[in-house]
Amino acid sequence: MRVTEQEVRYVAGLAHLKLSDEEVERFSSELGDVLTYMEKLNELDTRAVEPMAQVLYDAGETATLREDAERPVLDAEAALANAPVAGGGFYKVPKVIER
């Protein structure tokens, strides 16, 4: 399946990525290869394959979840300790609504 350069530029714009012409050309080819492979996988007959929720081992539905228990909450200082920019007890982030 062919992915056009226009489609690559559109998706890159949605993700706020600036791609060079060479990158657009390369991603167009690579994404096309991925979609072609996905089409090939869709041809497989999986009717006899039992659905699975956990691919690593056979276990109960909640085997990977921890016990739900009350824990002390983080105070604002601890929550913001690793924030690149903080102020007034909040995370500060760049404006992303407008370009």
N, C-alpha and C. Protein backbone atom coordinates (compact mmCIF):
# COMPACT_ATOMS: atom_id res chain seq x y z
N MET A 1 0.85 -1.17 0.00
CA MET A 1 0.00 0.00 0.00
C MET A 1 0.90 1.24 0.00
N ARG A 2 0.61 2.15 -0.83
CA ARG A 2 1.42 3.36 -0.98
C ARG A 2 0.90 4.47 -0.06
N VAL A 3 1.79 5.07 0.70
CA VAL A 3 1.47 6.24 1.52
C VAL A 3 2.08 7.44 0.80
N THR A 4 1.26 8.42 0.50
CA THR A 4 1.75 9.57 -0.25
C THR A 4 2.53 10.51 0.65
N GLU A 5 3.36 11.32 0.03
CA GLU A 5 4.12 12.31 0.78
C GLU A 5 3.18 13.32 1.43
N GLN A 6 2.07 13.61 0.77
CA GLN A 6 1.08 14.54 1.34
C GLN A 6 0.51 13.96 2.64
N GLU A 7 0.24 12.66 2.68
CA GLU A 7 -0.28 12.02 3.88
C GLU A 7 0.76 12.05 5.01
N VAL A 8 2.03 11.82 4.66
CA VAL A 8 3.10 11.87 5.66
C VAL A 8 3.21 13.28 6.23
N ARG A 9 3.15 14.29 5.37
CA ARG A 9 3.24 15.67 5.84
C ARG A 9 2.04 16.04 6.72
N TYR A 10 0.85 15.53 6.38
CA TYR A 10 -0.35 15.79 7.16
C TYR A 10 -0.21 15.20 8.57
N VAL A 11 0.20 13.93 8.66
CA VAL A 11 0.37 13.28 9.96
C VAL A 11 1.50 13.96 10.75
N ALA A 12 2.58 14.33 10.09
CA ALA A 12 3.67 15.02 10.76
C ALA A 12 3.18 16.36 11.32
N GLY A 13 2.33 17.04 10.58
CA GLY A 13 1.76 18.30 11.06
C GLY A 13 0.91 18.10 12.29
N LEU A 14 0.11 17.03 12.31
CA LEU A 14 -0.71 16.73 13.49
C LEU A 14 0.16 16.50 14.72
N ALA A 15 1.33 15.90 14.50
CA ALA A 15 2.25 15.60 15.61
C ALA A 15 3.24 16.74 15.86
N HIS A 16 3.07 17.85 15.15
CA HIS A 16 3.96 19.01 15.27
C HIS A 16 5.41 18.63 15.00
N LEU A 17 5.61 17.79 13.98
CA LEU A 17 6.95 17.38 13.58
C LEU A 17 7.36 18.13 12.32
N LYS A 18 8.59 18.56 12.29
CA LYS A 18 9.13 19.20 11.09
C LYS A 18 10.05 18.19 10.43
N LEU A 19 9.65 17.71 9.26
CA LEU A 19 10.43 16.71 8.54
C LEU A 19 11.06 17.32 7.31
N SER A 20 12.28 16.90 7.02
CA SER A 20 12.94 17.32 5.79
C SER A 20 12.31 16.55 4.62
N ASP A 21 12.58 16.99 3.40
CA ASP A 21 12.06 16.30 2.22
C ASP A 21 12.55 14.86 2.17
N GLU A 22 13.81 14.63 2.59
CA GLU A 22 14.36 13.28 2.59
C GLU A 22 13.63 12.40 3.60
N GLU A 23 13.32 12.96 4.77
CA GLU A 23 12.60 12.19 5.79
C GLU A 23 11.18 11.87 5.34
N VAL A 24 10.52 12.81 4.70
CA VAL A 24 9.17 12.57 4.19
C VAL A 24 9.19 11.44 3.19
N GLU A 25 10.16 11.45 2.29
CA GLU A 25 10.27 10.40 1.28
C GLU A 25 10.53 9.04 1.94
N ARG A 26 11.45 9.02 2.91
CA ARG A 26 11.78 7.77 3.60
C ARG A 26 10.59 7.24 4.38
N PHE A 27 9.91 8.11 5.14
CA PHE A 27 8.76 7.67 5.93
C PHE A 27 7.62 7.21 5.04
N SER A 28 7.45 7.84 3.91
CA SER A 28 6.41 7.43 2.97
C SER A 28 6.63 5.98 2.56
N SER A 29 7.87 5.65 2.25
CA SER A 29 8.22 4.28 1.85
C SER A 29 8.07 3.31 3.02
N GLU A 30 8.61 3.69 4.18
CA GLU A 30 8.58 2.79 5.34
C GLU A 30 7.16 2.54 5.84
N LEU A 31 6.34 3.58 5.89
CA LEU A 31 4.95 3.40 6.33
C LEU A 31 4.17 2.56 5.33
N GLY A 32 4.47 2.73 4.06
CA GLY A 32 3.84 1.90 3.04
C GLY A 32 4.19 0.43 3.23
N ASP A 33 5.45 0.16 3.58
CA ASP A 33 5.88 -1.22 3.83
C ASP A 33 5.16 -1.81 5.04
N VAL A 34 4.98 -1.01 6.09
CA VAL A 34 4.28 -1.48 7.29
C VAL A 34 2.83 -1.83 6.94
N LEU A 35 2.17 -0.96 6.21
CA LEU A 35 0.77 -1.21 5.85
C LEU A 35 0.63 -2.41 4.92
N THR A 36 1.59 -2.61 4.03
CA THR A 36 1.57 -3.78 3.16
C THR A 36 1.70 -5.05 3.99
N TYR A 37 2.57 -5.03 5.00
CA TYR A 37 2.74 -6.17 5.88
C TYR A 37 1.46 -6.43 6.68
N MET A 38 0.81 -5.38 7.14
CA MET A 38 -0.45 -5.53 7.89
C MET A 38 -1.52 -6.17 7.00
N GLU A 39 -1.58 -5.78 5.74
CA GLU A 39 -2.53 -6.40 4.81
C GLU A 39 -2.24 -7.89 4.67
N LYS A 40 -0.97 -8.25 4.62
CA LYS A 40 -0.58 -9.65 4.52
C LYS A 40 -1.02 -10.41 5.78
N LEU A 41 -0.83 -9.82 6.95
CA LEU A 41 -1.26 -10.46 8.20
C LEU A 41 -2.78 -10.64 8.25
N ASN A 42 -3.51 -9.71 7.67
CA ASN A 42 -4.97 -9.80 7.66
C ASN A 42 -5.47 -10.98 6.82
N GLU A 43 -4.62 -11.53 5.97
CA GLU A 43 -5.00 -12.67 5.16
C GLU A 43 -4.99 -13.98 5.95
N LEU A 44 -4.35 -13.98 7.11
CA LEU A 44 -4.26 -15.20 7.92
C LEU A 44 -5.62 -15.58 8.48
N ASP A 45 -5.89 -16.88 8.49
CA ASP A 45 -7.12 -17.39 9.08
C ASP A 45 -6.89 -17.61 10.57
N THR A 46 -7.51 -16.77 11.40
CA THR A 46 -7.31 -16.85 12.85
C THR A 46 -8.56 -17.35 13.58
N ARG A 47 -9.50 -17.92 12.85
CA ARG A 47 -10.75 -18.37 13.49
C ARG A 47 -10.50 -19.46 14.54
N ALA A 48 -9.48 -20.27 14.36
CA ALA A 48 -9.21 -21.36 15.30
C ALA A 48 -8.29 -20.94 16.45
N VAL A 49 -7.85 -19.68 16.45
CA VAL A 49 -6.95 -19.20 17.50
C VAL A 49 -7.79 -18.63 18.63
N GLU A 50 -7.56 -19.15 19.84
CA GLU A 50 -8.31 -18.69 20.99
C GLU A 50 -7.84 -17.29 21.40
N PRO A 51 -8.76 -16.38 21.65
CA PRO A 51 -8.36 -15.02 22.07
C PRO A 51 -7.60 -15.07 23.39
N MET A 52 -6.66 -14.15 23.55
CA MET A 52 -5.90 -14.11 24.79
C MET A 52 -5.75 -12.66 25.26
N ALA A 53 -5.80 -12.48 26.56
CA ALA A 53 -5.65 -11.16 27.14
C ALA A 53 -4.22 -10.93 27.59
N GLN A 54 -3.53 -11.97 28.02
CA GLN A 54 -2.16 -11.88 28.50
C GLN A 54 -1.30 -12.75 27.60
N VAL A 55 -0.39 -12.14 26.87
CA VAL A 55 0.39 -12.90 25.91
C VAL A 55 1.61 -13.58 26.51
N LEU A 56 2.01 -13.21 27.72
CA LEU A 56 3.24 -13.75 28.28
C LEU A 56 3.06 -15.09 28.98
N TYR A 57 1.94 -15.27 29.66
CA TYR A 57 1.74 -16.51 30.39
C TYR A 57 0.26 -16.72 30.63
N ASP A 58 -0.11 -17.95 30.92
CA ASP A 58 -1.49 -18.30 31.21
C ASP A 58 -1.78 -17.94 32.66
N ALA A 59 -2.63 -16.94 32.88
CA ALA A 59 -2.93 -16.50 34.25
C ALA A 59 -4.32 -15.89 34.29
N GLY A 60 -4.78 -15.66 35.47
CA GLY A 60 -6.08 -15.04 35.65
C GLY A 60 -6.11 -13.63 35.09
N GLU A 61 -7.31 -13.11 34.95
CA GLU A 61 -7.49 -11.80 34.34
C GLU A 61 -6.80 -10.68 35.11
N THR A 62 -6.72 -10.78 36.42
CA THR A 62 -6.12 -9.73 37.24
C THR A 62 -4.73 -10.08 37.75
N ALA A 63 -4.08 -11.05 37.15
CA ALA A 63 -2.79 -11.53 37.65
C ALA A 63 -1.72 -10.44 37.65
N THR A 64 -1.78 -9.48 36.75
CA THR A 64 -0.73 -8.48 36.67
C THR A 64 -1.09 -7.19 37.41
N LEU A 65 -2.25 -7.15 38.06
CA LEU A 65 -2.65 -5.95 38.77
C LEU A 65 -2.33 -6.06 40.25
N ARG A 66 -1.91 -4.97 40.84
CA ARG A 66 -1.62 -4.98 42.27
C ARG A 66 -2.92 -4.88 43.06
N GLU A 67 -2.84 -5.22 44.31
CA GLU A 67 -3.97 -5.11 45.22
C GLU A 67 -4.35 -3.64 45.35
N ASP A 68 -5.63 -3.34 45.28
CA ASP A 68 -6.11 -1.98 45.42
C ASP A 68 -6.13 -1.62 46.89
N ALA A 69 -5.22 -0.75 47.29
CA ALA A 69 -5.12 -0.39 48.70
C ALA A 69 -4.94 1.12 48.83
N GLU A 70 -5.44 1.67 49.90
CA GLU A 70 -5.29 3.10 50.16
C GLU A 70 -3.83 3.40 50.47
N ARG A 71 -3.33 4.46 49.88
CA ARG A 71 -1.94 4.86 50.09
C ARG A 71 -1.89 6.36 50.33
N PRO A 72 -0.86 6.83 51.00
CA PRO A 72 -0.76 8.27 51.21
C PRO A 72 -0.56 9.00 49.87
N VAL A 73 -1.17 10.16 49.75
CA VAL A 73 -1.04 10.94 48.51
C VAL A 73 0.25 11.74 48.54
N LEU A 74 0.72 12.10 47.34
CA LEU A 74 1.91 12.96 47.24
C LEU A 74 1.51 14.38 47.57
N ASP A 75 2.38 15.07 48.30
CA ASP A 75 2.12 16.49 48.48
C ASP A 75 2.60 17.22 47.21
N ALA A 76 2.23 18.47 47.06
CA ALA A 76 2.55 19.23 45.85
C ALA A 76 4.06 19.30 45.62
N GLU A 77 4.82 19.48 46.68
CA GLU A 77 6.27 19.59 46.54
C GLU A 77 6.88 18.32 45.96
N ALA A 78 6.45 17.16 46.45
CA ALA A 78 6.97 15.89 45.94
C ALA A 78 6.50 15.64 44.50
N ALA A 79 5.25 15.99 44.20
CA ALA A 79 4.73 15.78 42.85
C ALA A 79 5.45 16.64 41.83
N LEU A 80 5.87 17.82 42.22
CA LEU A 80 6.52 18.74 41.29
C LEU A 80 8.05 18.66 41.34
N ALA A 81 8.59 17.77 42.13
CA ALA A 81 10.04 17.70 42.33
C ALA A 81 10.80 17.48 41.02
N ASN A 82 10.28 16.71 40.10
CA ASN A 82 10.98 16.43 38.84
C ASN A 82 10.45 17.24 37.66
N ALA A 83 9.55 18.18 37.92
CA ALA A 83 9.00 18.99 36.83
C ALA A 83 10.08 19.91 36.27
N PRO A 84 10.21 19.97 34.94
CA PRO A 84 11.20 20.88 34.36
C PRO A 84 10.92 22.34 34.72
N VAL A 85 9.61 22.70 34.70
CA VAL A 85 9.22 24.06 35.06
C VAL A 85 7.95 23.97 35.88
N ALA A 86 7.95 24.60 37.05
CA ALA A 86 6.78 24.59 37.91
C ALA A 86 6.59 25.99 38.48
N GLY A 87 5.37 26.29 38.87
CA GLY A 87 5.10 27.58 39.48
C GLY A 87 3.71 27.60 40.07
N GLY A 88 3.54 28.20 41.21
CA GLY A 88 2.24 28.30 41.84
C GLY A 88 1.63 26.96 42.20
N GLY A 89 2.47 25.95 42.38
CA GLY A 89 1.97 24.63 42.73
C GLY A 89 1.48 23.83 41.54
N PHE A 90 1.83 24.25 40.32
CA PHE A 90 1.37 23.59 39.10
C PHE A 90 2.54 23.33 38.17
N TYR A 91 2.37 22.36 37.26
CA TYR A 91 3.31 22.16 36.16
C TYR A 91 3.11 23.28 35.16
N LYS A 92 4.19 23.79 34.62
CA LYS A 92 4.08 24.77 33.54
C LYS A 92 4.50 24.08 32.25
N VAL A 93 3.65 24.20 31.24
CA VAL A 93 3.91 23.57 29.95
C VAL A 93 3.77 24.60 28.84
N PRO A 94 4.45 24.38 27.72
CA PRO A 94 4.32 25.33 26.61
C PRO A 94 2.92 25.28 26.01
N LYS A 95 2.49 26.39 25.48
CA LYS A 95 1.20 26.47 24.82
C LYS A 95 1.26 25.67 23.52
N VAL A 96 0.30 24.78 23.30
CA VAL A 96 0.32 23.93 22.10
C VAL A 96 -0.93 24.09 21.24
N ILE A 97 -1.84 24.94 21.63
CA ILE A 97 -3.09 25.08 20.88
C ILE A 97 -2.85 25.81 19.57
N GLU A 98 -2.03 26.83 19.60
CA GLU A 98 -1.75 27.60 18.39
C GLU A 98 -0.34 27.33 17.93
N ARG A 99 -0.13 27.45 16.62
CA ARG A 99 1.21 27.26 16.08
C ARG A 99 1.89 28.58 15.87
